[in-house]
Amino acid sequence: MSWLLAHRPADADDAVRVVIDAATSAEAIAELRAQIPADHKILYVMAADERAPVALA
């Protein structure tokens, strides 16, 4: 399953969105935490809708 997550540094306003393929949202969060700096905050995680792909900028 694909998961859409967003993260940003604590002192920033702009978020970075990523799509991660994982079996569960918890696995997607763990994978993202392993990739981002320690000072970044995860803002949300949601199932990515396969019928409506998200264009990431």
PDB file of N, CA and C in Angstrom:
ATOM      1  N   MET A   1       0.850  -1.175   0.000  1.00  0.00           N
ATOM      2  CA  MET A   1       0.000   0.000   0.000  1.00  0.00           C
ATOM      3  C   MET A   1       0.892   1.232   0.000  1.00  0.00           C
ATOM      4  N   SER A   2       0.427   2.282  -0.628  1.00  0.00           N
ATOM      5  CA  SER A   2       1.163   3.550  -0.661  1.00  0.00           C
ATOM      6  C   SER A   2       0.609   4.503   0.390  1.00  0.00           C
ATOM      7  N   TRP A   3       1.519   5.213   1.039  1.00  0.00           N
ATOM      8  CA  TRP A   3       1.162   6.179   2.080  1.00  0.00           C
ATOM      9  C   TRP A   3       1.735   7.535   1.722  1.00  0.00           C
ATOM     10  N   LEU A   4       0.935   8.575   1.897  1.00  0.00           N
ATOM     11  CA  LEU A   4       1.374   9.949   1.693  1.00  0.00           C
ATOM     12  C   LEU A   4       1.697  10.539   3.051  1.00  0.00           C
ATOM     13  N   LEU A   5       2.924  11.034   3.197  1.00  0.00           N
ATOM     14  CA  LEU A   5       3.369  11.639   4.445  1.00  0.00           C
ATOM     15  C   LEU A   5       3.931  13.017   4.165  1.00  0.00           C
ATOM     16  N   ALA A   6       3.893  13.874   5.158  1.00  0.00           N
ATOM     17  CA  ALA A   6       4.498  15.201   5.041  1.00  0.00           C
ATOM     18  C   ALA A   6       5.350  15.446   6.272  1.00  0.00           C
ATOM     19  N   HIS A   7       6.486  16.124   6.048  1.00  0.00           N
ATOM     20  CA  HIS A   7       7.370  16.468   7.168  1.00  0.00           C
ATOM     21  C   HIS A   7       7.979  17.836   6.921  1.00  0.00           C
ATOM     22  N   ARG A   8       8.471  18.437   7.995  1.00  0.00           N
ATOM     23  CA  ARG A   8       9.128  19.741   7.893  1.00  0.00           C
ATOM     24  C   ARG A   8       9.999  19.954   9.128  1.00  0.00           C
ATOM     25  N   PRO A   9      10.991  20.850   9.011  1.00  0.00           N
ATOM     26  CA  PRO A   9      11.744  21.234  10.208  1.00  0.00           C
ATOM     27  C   PRO A   9      10.825  21.973  11.177  1.00  0.00           C
ATOM     28  N   ALA A  10      11.145  21.934  12.443  1.00  0.00           N
ATOM     29  CA  ALA A  10      10.312  22.571  13.466  1.00  0.00           C
ATOM     30  C   ALA A  10      10.140  24.067  13.222  1.00  0.00           C
ATOM     31  N   ASP A  11      11.143  24.713  12.636  1.00  0.00           N
ATOM     32  CA  ASP A  11      11.101  26.171  12.461  1.00  0.00           C
ATOM     33  C   ASP A  11      10.695  26.598  11.048  1.00  0.00           C
ATOM     34  N   ALA A  12      10.150  25.687  10.252  1.00  0.00           N
ATOM     35  CA  ALA A  12       9.775  26.009   8.873  1.00  0.00           C
ATOM     36  C   ALA A  12       8.262  25.979   8.703  1.00  0.00           C
ATOM     37  N   ASP A  13       7.799  26.660   7.662  1.00  0.00           N
ATOM     38  CA  ASP A  13       6.378  26.658   7.341  1.00  0.00           C
ATOM     39  C   ASP A  13       6.040  25.709   6.195  1.00  0.00           C
ATOM     40  N   ASP A  14       7.012  25.465   5.317  1.00  0.00           N
ATOM     41  CA  ASP A  14       6.774  24.628   4.152  1.00  0.00           C
ATOM     42  C   ASP A  14       7.056  23.166   4.460  1.00  0.00           C
ATOM     43  N   ALA A  15       6.172  22.298   4.003  1.00  0.00           N
ATOM     44  CA  ALA A  15       6.316  20.866   4.229  1.00  0.00           C
ATOM     45  C   ALA A  15       6.814  20.174   2.961  1.00  0.00           C
ATOM     46  N   VAL A  16       7.450  19.049   3.170  1.00  0.00           N
ATOM     47  CA  VAL A  16       7.881  18.178   2.082  1.00  0.00           C
ATOM     48  C   VAL A  16       6.975  16.961   2.114  1.00  0.00           C
ATOM     49  N   ARG A  17       6.372  16.644   0.971  1.00  0.00           N
ATOM     50  CA  ARG A  17       5.487  15.480   0.892  1.00  0.00           C
ATOM     51  C   ARG A  17       6.236  14.333   0.228  1.00  0.00           C
ATOM     52  N   VAL A  18       6.025  13.128   0.732  1.00  0.00           N
ATOM     53  CA  VAL A  18       6.637  11.934   0.161  1.00  0.00           C
ATOM     54  C   VAL A  18       5.611  10.810   0.127  1.00  0.00           C
ATOM     55  N   VAL A  19       5.801   9.895  -0.805  1.00  0.00           N
ATOM     56  CA  VAL A  19       4.982   8.697  -0.872  1.00  0.00           C
ATOM     57  C   VAL A  19       5.887   7.525  -0.556  1.00  0.00           C
ATOM     58  N   ILE A  20       5.458   6.685   0.380  1.00  0.00           N
ATOM     59  CA  ILE A  20       6.222   5.515   0.794  1.00  0.00           C
ATOM     60  C   ILE A  20       5.332   4.296   0.659  1.00  0.00           C
ATOM     61  N   ASP A  21       5.885   3.245   0.071  1.00  0.00           N
ATOM     62  CA  ASP A  21       5.173   1.974  -0.021  1.00  0.00           C
ATOM     63  C   ASP A  21       5.523   1.141   1.203  1.00  0.00           C
ATOM     64  N   ALA A  22       4.516   0.774   1.972  1.00  0.00           N
ATOM     65  CA  ALA A  22       4.695  -0.032   3.180  1.00  0.00           C
ATOM     66  C   ALA A  22       3.384  -0.742   3.482  1.00  0.00           C
ATOM     67  N   ALA A  23       3.468  -1.809   4.262  1.00  0.00           N
ATOM     68  CA  ALA A  23       2.274  -2.587   4.591  1.00  0.00           C
ATOM     69  C   ALA A  23       1.325  -1.821   5.508  1.00  0.00           C
ATOM     70  N   THR A  24       1.887  -1.031   6.434  1.00  0.00           N
ATOM     71  CA  THR A  24       1.056  -0.297   7.392  1.00  0.00           C
ATOM     72  C   THR A  24       1.542   1.144   7.508  1.00  0.00           C
ATOM     73  N   SER A  25       0.699   1.998   8.067  1.00  0.00           N
ATOM     74  CA  SER A  25       1.104   3.386   8.278  1.00  0.00           C
ATOM     75  C   SER A  25       2.259   3.466   9.271  1.00  0.00           C
ATOM     76  N   ALA A  26       2.270   2.594  10.262  1.00  0.00           N
ATOM     77  CA  ALA A  26       3.363   2.587  11.244  1.00  0.00           C
ATOM     78  C   ALA A  26       4.698   2.274  10.579  1.00  0.00           C
ATOM     79  N   GLU A  27       4.699   1.342   9.634  1.00  0.00           N
ATOM     80  CA  GLU A  27       5.930   1.031   8.900  1.00  0.00           C
ATOM     81  C   GLU A  27       6.364   2.205   8.033  1.00  0.00           C
ATOM     82  N   ALA A  28       5.409   2.894   7.425  1.00  0.00           N
ATOM     83  CA  ALA A  28       5.730   4.059   6.603  1.00  0.00           C
ATOM     84  C   ALA A  28       6.344   5.169   7.458  1.00  0.00           C
ATOM     85  N   ILE A  29       5.793   5.382   8.646  1.00  0.00           N
ATOM     86  CA  ILE A  29       6.326   6.398   9.554  1.00  0.00           C
ATOM     87  C   ILE A  29       7.741   6.030   9.974  1.00  0.00           C
ATOM     88  N   ALA A  30       7.966   4.773  10.321  1.00  0.00           N
ATOM     89  CA  ALA A  30       9.301   4.335  10.734  1.00  0.00           C
ATOM     90  C   ALA A  30      10.313   4.521   9.607  1.00  0.00           C
ATOM     91  N   GLU A  31       9.906   4.208   8.385  1.00  0.00           N
ATOM     92  CA  GLU A  31      10.801   4.382   7.239  1.00  0.00           C
ATOM     93  C   GLU A  31      11.127   5.856   7.018  1.00  0.00           C
ATOM     94  N   LEU A  32      10.110   6.721   7.127  1.00  0.00           N
ATOM     95  CA  LEU A  32      10.344   8.152   6.952  1.00  0.00           C
ATOM     96  C   LEU A  32      11.259   8.691   8.048  1.00  0.00           C
ATOM     97  N   ARG A  33      11.020   8.299   9.291  1.00  0.00           N
ATOM     98  CA  ARG A  33      11.874   8.763  10.404  1.00  0.00           C
ATOM     99  C   ARG A  33      13.341   8.390  10.181  1.00  0.00           C
ATOM    100  N   ALA A  34      13.574   7.234   9.560  1.00  0.00           N
ATOM    101  CA  ALA A  34      14.945   6.794   9.288  1.00  0.00           C
ATOM    102  C   ALA A  34      15.607   7.636   8.199  1.00  0.00           C
ATOM    103  N   GLN A  35      14.810   8.339   7.394  1.00  0.00           N
ATOM    104  CA  GLN A  35      15.331   9.100   6.256  1.00  0.00           C
ATOM    105  C   GLN A  35      15.473  10.593   6.517  1.00  0.00           C
ATOM    106  N   ILE A  36      14.755  11.128   7.506  1.00  0.00           N
ATOM    107  CA  ILE A  36      14.730  12.579   7.702  1.00  0.00           C
ATOM    108  C   ILE A  36      15.588  12.979   8.903  1.00  0.00           C
ATOM    109  N   PRO A  37      16.020  14.241   8.938  1.00  0.00           N
ATOM    110  CA  PRO A  37      16.787  14.717  10.097  1.00  0.00           C
ATOM    111  C   PRO A  37      15.959  14.657  11.386  1.00  0.00           C
ATOM    112  N   ALA A  38      16.635  14.552  12.494  1.00  0.00           N
ATOM    113  CA  ALA A  38      15.977  14.394  13.798  1.00  0.00           C
ATOM    114  C   ALA A  38      15.087  15.584  14.158  1.00  0.00           C
ATOM    115  N   ASP A  39      15.401  16.789  13.646  1.00  0.00           N
ATOM    116  CA  ASP A  39      14.615  17.962  14.014  1.00  0.00           C
ATOM    117  C   ASP A  39      13.342  18.123  13.179  1.00  0.00           C
ATOM    118  N   HIS A  40      13.109  17.240  12.209  1.00  0.00           N
ATOM    119  CA  HIS A  40      11.901  17.333  11.393  1.00  0.00           C
ATOM    120  C   HIS A  40      10.720  16.705  12.117  1.00  0.00           C
ATOM    121  N   LYS A  41       9.557  17.278  11.886  1.00  0.00           N
ATOM    122  CA  LYS A  41       8.322  16.782  12.465  1.00  0.00           C
ATOM    123  C   LYS A  41       7.478  16.178  11.351  1.00  0.00           C
ATOM    124  N   ILE A  42       6.879  15.036  11.641  1.00  0.00           N
ATOM    125  CA  ILE A  42       5.949  14.434  10.686  1.00  0.00           C
ATOM    126  C   ILE A  42       4.586  15.073  10.931  1.00  0.00           C
ATOM    127  N   LEU A  43       4.027  15.649   9.885  1.00  0.00           N
ATOM    128  CA  LEU A  43       2.770  16.382  10.006  1.00  0.00           C
ATOM    129  C   LEU A  43       1.549  15.490   9.848  1.00  0.00           C
ATOM    130  N   TYR A  44       1.604  14.567   8.901  1.00  0.00           N
ATOM    131  CA  TYR A  44       0.471  13.668   8.706  1.00  0.00           C
ATOM    132  C   TYR A  44       0.901  12.443   7.927  1.00  0.00           C
ATOM    133  N   VAL A  45       0.073  11.430   8.007  1.00  0.00           N
ATOM    134  CA  VAL A  45       0.197  10.231   7.179  1.00  0.00           C
ATOM    135  C   VAL A  45      -1.211   9.829   6.770  1.00  0.00           C
ATOM    136  N   MET A  46      -1.374   9.523   5.488  1.00  0.00           N
ATOM    137  CA  MET A  46      -2.681   9.084   5.005  1.00  0.00           C
ATOM    138  C   MET A  46      -2.482   8.096   3.868  1.00  0.00           C
ATOM    139  N   ALA A  47      -3.445   7.250   3.700  1.00  0.00           N
ATOM    140  CA  ALA A  47      -3.396   6.306   2.592  1.00  0.00           C
ATOM    141  C   ALA A  47      -3.456   7.091   1.287  1.00  0.00           C
ATOM    142  N   ALA A  48      -2.553   6.766   0.375  1.00  0.00           N
ATOM    143  CA  ALA A  48      -2.558   7.410  -0.941  1.00  0.00           C
ATOM    144  C   ALA A  48      -3.595   6.709  -1.795  1.00  0.00           C
ATOM    145  N   ASP A  49      -4.479   7.460  -2.380  1.00  0.00           N
ATOM    146  CA  ASP A  49      -5.549   6.923  -3.206  1.00  0.00           C
ATOM    147  C   ASP A  49      -4.989   6.564  -4.574  1.00  0.00           C
ATOM    148  N   GLU A  50      -4.977   5.291  -4.888  1.00  0.00           N
ATOM    149  CA  GLU A  50      -4.432   4.829  -6.175  1.00  0.00           C
ATOM    150  C   GLU A  50      -5.208   5.398  -7.357  1.00  0.00           C
ATOM    151  N   ARG A  51      -6.475   5.745  -7.152  1.00  0.00           N
ATOM    152  CA  ARG A  51      -7.291   6.259  -8.255  1.00  0.00           C
ATOM    153  C   ARG A  51      -7.016   7.725  -8.540  1.00  0.00           C
ATOM    154  N   ALA A  52      -6.428   8.427  -7.612  1.00  0.00           N
ATOM    155  CA  ALA A  52      -6.161   9.850  -7.791  1.00  0.00           C
ATOM    156  C   ALA A  52      -4.720  10.145  -7.345  1.00  0.00           C
ATOM    157  N   PRO A  53      -3.736   9.855  -8.219  1.00  0.00           N
ATOM    158  CA  PRO A  53      -2.345  10.053  -7.828  1.00  0.00           C
ATOM    159  C   PRO A  53      -2.056  11.505  -7.450  1.00  0.00           C
ATOM    160  N   VAL A  54      -1.172  11.679  -6.517  1.00  0.00           N
ATOM    161  CA  VAL A  54      -0.804  12.999  -6.026  1.00  0.00           C
ATOM    162  C   VAL A  54       0.442  13.465  -6.764  1.00  0.00           C
ATOM    163  N   ALA A  55       0.406  14.659  -7.305  1.00  0.00           N
ATOM    164  CA  ALA A  55       1.584  15.252  -7.937  1.00  0.00           C
ATOM    165  C   ALA A  55       2.401  15.930  -6.865  1.00  0.00           C
ATOM    166  N   LEU A  56       3.602  15.453  -6.645  1.00  0.00           N
ATOM    167  CA  LEU A  56       4.467  16.025  -5.618  1.00  0.00           C
ATOM    168  C   LEU A  56       5.363  17.080  -6.243  1.00  0.00           C
ATOM    169  N   ALA A  57       5.418  18.212  -5.596  1.00  0.00           N
ATOM    170  CA  ALA A  57       6.232  19.318  -6.114  1.00  0.00           C
ATOM    171  C   ALA A  57       7.544  19.396  -5.376  1.00  0.00           C
TER     172      ALA A  57
END
